Amino acid sequence: MRPLSAADLDTALEVCARDRVANAFVAARIVEGSLRTSPGALLGHWADGELRGLAWVSANVVPVELDEDGVSAVAARISRMRRQCASIFGPSEQVRGLWDRLGPTWGPVRAIRTHQPLLTTRTLPSGLGLTLDPDVRPARLDEVDLVLPAAAAMFTEEIGYPPYFGSDRSYRASIGSLIRAGHTFVKVEDGEVVFKADVGSLALGCAQVQGVWLHPRLRGQGLSVPAMASVVEQCLSGLADEVSLYVNDFNVAARATYARCGFHEVGAFTTVLL
């Protein structure tokens, strides 16, 4: 087990490409230059001279293609890093393996989302006969102040605590980065963002959507399907040839929306919120 460097980029992406949907988060970090800008954040598990698996280790711990030996090696390597990590997430079997080893010393936790269906689609919603919301569009860079309250509300609703305390500088910067890349989609009404969704990870032809949020006052009115369908349509028409996301299994309304938009289940994630 050793940290990877820029020299390992192609090999690391080959590992991610074994399942580009499940490994989109780490693949995107690699494509964005993390091997250069975040040295030590990506660990590689080697056996017989071959790179077998990876683990992103930063604010989040994310396993990639780890077998039992790889899971054990990563757990041993990061066993003293509890205070640096906010979550462990990724393919369920690998996350469960990590948590079986880390849990006795890393607990207690805020929550464990045991089963989060991993969904994907390559079908244009317009081809399914769905109506697209024409007002959903990429956010403009001058709209950071509009997007921030919606993003913060979504984060707090999902995770259970605000995304920042005190200064919002770093959070604003992360929002600005997504908008600058054309990866935040919004619907704005009367100067307020009422719907948003982000492409949080884009790599290997797969766009992974996160942060989907509809204003509470508009829920239950049939607006989520046209809005989400518009996001998928725009992603498949320019950013990627596949769109994926993962969702809490207990979020019945969201799962119904994604099914209407053409998504189908291809795997399962587990998230441990620390």
Protein backbone atom coordinates (compact mmCIF):
# COMPACT_ATOMS: atom_id res chain seq x y z
CA MET A 1 0.00 0.00 0.00
CA ARG A 2 1.48 3.33 -1.06
CA PRO A 3 0.34 6.80 -2.13
CA LEU A 4 0.08 7.26 -5.89
CA SER A 5 1.76 10.00 -7.89
CA ALA A 6 1.19 11.61 -11.27
CA ALA A 7 3.21 8.79 -12.82
CA ASP A 8 0.40 6.39 -11.81
CA LEU A 9 -2.41 8.37 -13.44
CA ASP A 10 -3.13 6.11 -16.41
CA THR A 11 -2.95 2.94 -14.33
CA ALA A 12 -5.24 4.40 -11.66
CA LEU A 13 -7.82 5.38 -14.27
CA GLU A 14 -7.69 1.87 -15.71
CA VAL A 15 -8.65 0.55 -12.27
CA CYS A 16 -11.54 3.03 -12.06
CA ALA A 17 -12.69 2.08 -15.55
CA ARG A 18 -13.48 -1.47 -14.39
CA ASP A 19 -16.75 0.06 -13.16
CA ARG A 20 -16.94 3.68 -14.25
CA VAL A 21 -20.32 4.23 -12.60
CA ALA A 22 -19.33 2.98 -9.14
CA ASN A 23 -15.91 4.64 -9.33
CA ALA A 24 -16.92 7.99 -10.84
CA PHE A 25 -16.05 10.01 -7.74
CA VAL A 26 -12.42 8.89 -7.55
CA ALA A 27 -11.96 8.89 -11.33
CA ALA A 28 -13.10 12.52 -11.40
CA ARG A 29 -10.66 13.50 -8.67
CA ILE A 30 -7.86 11.92 -10.71
CA VAL A 31 -8.92 13.66 -13.93
CA GLU A 32 -9.11 16.97 -12.06
CA GLY A 33 -5.44 16.65 -11.12
CA SER A 34 -5.54 15.39 -7.53
CA LEU A 35 -2.39 13.29 -7.98
CA ARG A 36 -0.56 16.59 -8.41
CA THR A 37 -2.55 18.95 -6.18
CA SER A 38 -3.39 16.57 -3.32
CA PRO A 39 -0.32 14.39 -2.86
CA GLY A 40 -0.97 11.38 -0.66
CA ALA A 41 -4.76 11.49 -1.00
CA LEU A 42 -4.96 8.50 -3.33
CA LEU A 43 -3.63 5.20 -2.01
CA GLY A 44 -2.90 2.23 -4.22
CA HIS A 45 -2.98 -1.42 -3.21
CA TRP A 46 -0.41 -3.42 -5.14
CA ALA A 47 0.08 -7.19 -5.40
CA ASP A 48 2.59 -9.04 -7.57
CA GLY A 49 3.56 -5.75 -9.19
CA GLU A 50 -0.03 -4.98 -10.25
CA LEU A 51 -2.25 -2.15 -9.04
CA ARG A 52 -5.27 -4.03 -7.69
CA GLY A 53 -7.34 -1.32 -5.98
CA LEU A 54 -7.47 2.27 -4.77
CA ALA A 55 -8.71 4.34 -1.86
CA TRP A 56 -9.35 8.08 -1.83
CA VAL A 57 -8.45 9.28 1.65
CA SER A 58 -9.23 12.91 2.42
CA ALA A 59 -12.33 14.43 4.02
CA ASN A 60 -14.03 11.34 2.60
CA VAL A 61 -12.76 7.79 2.37
CA VAL A 62 -13.82 6.14 -0.90
CA PRO A 63 -12.72 2.61 -1.86
CA VAL A 64 -12.23 1.51 -5.47
CA GLU A 65 -12.07 -2.14 -6.55
CA LEU A 66 -10.56 -3.31 -3.25
CA ASP A 67 -10.45 -7.04 -2.51
CA GLU A 68 -10.27 -8.41 1.05
CA ASP A 69 -6.51 -7.87 1.24
CA GLY A 70 -6.90 -4.34 -0.09
CA VAL A 71 -9.64 -3.50 2.40
CA SER A 72 -7.46 -4.78 5.26
CA ALA A 73 -4.45 -2.84 4.01
CA VAL A 74 -6.39 0.43 3.69
CA ALA A 75 -8.00 0.03 7.12
CA ALA A 76 -4.60 -0.55 8.71
CA ARG A 77 -3.14 2.45 6.90
CA ILE A 78 -5.86 4.93 7.95
CA SER A 79 -6.69 3.54 11.39
CA ARG A 80 -5.41 6.69 13.14
CA MET A 81 -7.07 9.20 10.79
CA ARG A 82 -10.52 9.28 12.41
CA ARG A 83 -10.54 13.04 13.06
CA GLN A 84 -9.65 13.87 9.45
CA CYS A 85 -12.57 12.04 7.84
CA ALA A 86 -16.22 13.09 7.62
CA SER A 87 -17.54 10.01 5.85
CA ILE A 88 -16.82 6.68 4.21
CA PHE A 89 -18.84 5.94 1.10
CA GLY A 90 -18.78 3.77 -1.99
CA PRO A 91 -19.66 0.23 -3.08
CA SER A 92 -21.39 -1.48 -0.18
CA GLU A 93 -19.22 -4.56 0.19
CA GLN A 94 -16.01 -2.55 0.34
CA VAL A 95 -17.43 0.06 2.74
CA ARG A 96 -18.78 -2.64 5.03
CA GLY A 97 -15.38 -4.30 5.00
CA LEU A 98 -13.68 -1.06 5.98
CA TRP A 99 -16.22 -0.29 8.68
CA ASP A 100 -15.99 -3.80 10.16
CA ARG A 101 -12.31 -3.05 10.76
CA LEU A 102 -12.50 0.65 11.65
CA GLY A 103 -15.83 0.79 13.48
CA PRO A 104 -14.64 -0.53 16.85
CA THR A 105 -12.24 2.41 17.21
CA TRP A 106 -13.85 5.04 14.95
CA GLY A 107 -17.39 4.97 16.35
CA PRO A 108 -19.85 6.36 17.29
CA VAL A 109 -21.24 7.74 14.03
CA ARG A 110 -23.90 10.23 12.96
CA ALA A 111 -25.61 7.72 10.69
CA ILE A 112 -25.05 4.70 8.49
CA ARG A 113 -26.96 4.65 5.20
CA THR A 114 -26.76 0.92 4.69
CA HIS A 115 -28.36 0.60 1.27
CA GLN A 116 -28.24 3.36 -1.33
CA PRO A 117 -29.21 2.10 -4.79
CA LEU A 118 -26.70 3.12 -7.47
CA LEU A 119 -28.66 4.20 -10.53
CA THR A 120 -27.71 4.97 -14.12
CA THR A 121 -29.18 5.85 -17.50
CA ARG A 122 -27.97 6.38 -21.04
CA THR A 123 -31.41 7.24 -22.42
CA LEU A 124 -32.47 10.77 -23.31
CA PRO A 125 -35.64 11.56 -21.32
CA SER A 126 -37.11 13.19 -24.41
CA GLY A 127 -36.92 9.78 -26.05
CA LEU A 128 -39.12 8.45 -23.26
CA GLY A 129 -41.76 11.05 -24.04
CA LEU A 130 -41.08 13.05 -20.89
CA THR A 131 -41.73 16.77 -20.70
CA LEU A 132 -38.56 18.75 -19.97
CA ASP A 133 -38.64 21.84 -17.78
CA PRO A 134 -37.38 24.58 -20.14
CA ASP A 135 -36.38 26.81 -17.23
CA VAL A 136 -33.72 24.41 -15.87
CA ARG A 137 -30.35 25.64 -17.11
CA PRO A 138 -26.67 25.86 -16.14
CA ALA A 139 -26.14 28.39 -13.38
CA ARG A 140 -24.20 31.55 -14.17
CA LEU A 141 -21.09 32.50 -12.24
CA ASP A 142 -22.78 35.68 -11.00
CA GLU A 143 -25.43 33.49 -9.34
CA VAL A 144 -23.25 32.02 -6.56
CA ASP A 145 -25.19 34.04 -3.99
CA LEU A 146 -28.46 32.61 -5.31
CA VAL A 147 -27.22 29.02 -5.39
CA LEU A 148 -25.60 29.06 -1.94
CA PRO A 149 -28.83 29.04 0.14
CA ALA A 150 -30.29 26.20 -1.92
CA ALA A 151 -27.07 24.19 -1.72
CA ALA A 152 -26.81 24.75 2.03
CA ALA A 153 -30.46 23.76 2.53
CA MET A 154 -29.97 20.56 0.55
CA PHE A 155 -26.80 19.65 2.47
CA THR A 156 -28.40 20.29 5.85
CA GLU A 157 -31.50 18.32 4.94
CA GLU A 158 -29.45 15.35 3.72
CA ILE A 159 -26.60 15.25 6.24
CA GLY A 160 -28.23 16.75 9.32
CA TYR A 161 -25.92 19.69 9.97
CA PRO A 162 -24.93 22.84 8.00
CA PRO A 163 -22.13 22.68 5.41
CA TYR A 164 -20.19 25.43 7.16
CA PHE A 165 -19.95 27.24 10.48
CA GLY A 166 -18.88 30.86 10.58
CA SER A 167 -17.30 31.90 7.30
CA ASP A 168 -18.86 30.54 4.11
CA ARG A 169 -15.73 31.33 2.06
CA SER A 170 -14.62 27.78 1.26
CA TYR A 171 -18.19 26.63 0.64
CA ARG A 172 -18.76 29.52 -1.75
CA ALA A 173 -15.55 28.58 -3.54
CA SER A 174 -16.71 25.00 -4.04
CA ILE A 175 -20.06 26.23 -5.41
CA GLY A 176 -18.26 28.66 -7.69
CA SER A 177 -16.02 25.88 -8.98
CA LEU A 178 -19.00 23.74 -9.98
CA ILE A 179 -20.74 26.67 -11.64
CA ARG A 180 -17.58 27.66 -13.50
CA ALA A 181 -17.33 24.15 -14.92
CA GLY A 182 -20.96 24.25 -16.05
CA HIS A 183 -21.85 21.48 -13.61
CA THR A 184 -24.63 23.17 -11.61
CA PHE A 185 -28.15 23.26 -13.02
CA VAL A 186 -30.80 25.54 -11.57
CA LYS A 187 -34.31 26.84 -11.95
CA VAL A 188 -34.71 30.41 -10.72
CA GLU A 189 -38.03 32.04 -9.87
CA ASP A 190 -38.38 35.61 -8.60
CA GLY A 191 -34.68 35.81 -7.80
CA GLU A 192 -34.63 32.53 -5.86
CA VAL A 193 -33.24 29.13 -6.78
CA VAL A 194 -36.15 26.69 -6.45
CA PHE A 195 -34.44 23.66 -8.01
CA LYS A 196 -30.80 22.66 -8.29
CA ALA A 197 -28.68 19.67 -9.17
CA ASP A 198 -24.92 19.30 -9.55
CA VAL A 199 -22.70 17.07 -11.62
CA GLY A 200 -20.37 16.37 -8.72
CA SER A 201 -18.12 13.98 -10.64
CA LEU A 202 -17.39 13.72 -14.35
CA ALA A 203 -14.94 11.18 -15.73
CA LEU A 204 -14.61 8.32 -18.20
CA GLY A 205 -17.80 9.40 -19.96
CA CYS A 206 -19.94 9.19 -16.82
CA ALA A 207 -21.57 12.19 -15.11
CA GLN A 208 -22.55 11.51 -11.50
CA VAL A 209 -25.30 13.81 -10.24
CA GLN A 210 -25.55 14.91 -6.62
CA GLY A 211 -27.20 17.62 -4.55
CA VAL A 212 -30.61 17.33 -6.18
CA TRP A 213 -32.99 19.69 -4.37
CA LEU A 214 -36.47 21.09 -4.93
CA HIS A 215 -37.78 23.86 -2.68
CA PRO A 216 -40.07 22.34 0.01
CA ARG A 217 -43.00 24.55 -0.95
CA LEU A 218 -42.99 23.09 -4.47
CA ARG A 219 -42.81 19.42 -3.57
CA GLY A 220 -45.69 17.11 -4.35
CA GLN A 221 -46.77 19.16 -7.38
CA GLY A 222 -45.25 17.02 -10.13
CA LEU A 223 -42.38 19.42 -10.78
CA SER A 224 -39.43 17.17 -9.94
CA VAL A 225 -39.69 14.83 -12.95
CA PRO A 226 -39.59 17.59 -15.64
CA ALA A 227 -36.75 19.34 -13.76
CA MET A 228 -34.65 16.20 -13.31
CA ALA A 229 -35.40 15.07 -16.85
CA SER A 230 -34.03 18.39 -18.10
CA VAL A 231 -30.79 17.87 -16.16
CA VAL A 232 -30.34 14.37 -17.57
CA GLU A 233 -31.14 15.55 -21.10
CA GLN A 234 -28.55 18.32 -20.92
CA CYS A 235 -25.90 16.05 -19.43
CA LEU A 236 -26.39 13.39 -22.10
CA SER A 237 -26.43 16.03 -24.82
CA GLY A 238 -23.02 17.45 -24.01
CA LEU A 239 -21.21 16.30 -20.89
CA ALA A 240 -21.29 12.48 -20.94
CA ASP A 241 -22.84 9.39 -22.47
CA GLU A 242 -24.05 8.07 -19.10
CA VAL A 243 -25.60 9.75 -16.07
CA SER A 244 -25.54 8.14 -12.64
CA LEU A 245 -26.44 8.90 -9.05
CA TYR A 246 -27.07 7.10 -5.77
CA VAL A 247 -30.07 7.62 -3.53
CA ASN A 248 -31.19 6.65 -0.04
CA ASP A 249 -33.40 3.58 -0.27
CA PHE A 250 -35.96 5.16 2.08
CA ASN A 251 -36.44 8.22 -0.17
CA VAL A 252 -39.47 6.84 -1.98
CA ALA A 253 -40.34 10.07 -3.78
CA ALA A 254 -36.84 10.56 -5.17
CA ARG A 255 -36.59 6.95 -6.31
CA ALA A 256 -39.90 7.30 -8.16
CA THR A 257 -38.66 10.47 -9.87
CA TYR A 258 -35.44 8.83 -11.01
CA ALA A 259 -37.30 5.77 -12.30
CA ARG A 260 -39.57 8.04 -14.35
CA CYS A 261 -36.47 9.72 -15.78
CA GLY A 262 -35.10 6.40 -17.05
CA PHE A 263 -32.68 5.42 -14.31
CA HIS A 264 -32.20 1.76 -13.39
CA GLU A 265 -30.30 0.12 -10.55
CA VAL A 266 -26.82 -1.27 -11.24
CA GLY A 267 -25.37 -1.59 -7.74
CA ALA A 268 -25.51 -0.35 -4.18
CA PHE A 269 -23.56 2.13 -2.08
CA THR A 270 -23.20 2.42 1.67
CA THR A 271 -22.35 5.67 3.46
CA VAL A 272 -21.02 6.01 6.99
CA LEU A 273 -21.43 9.59 8.25
CA LEU A 274 -18.84 10.26 10.95
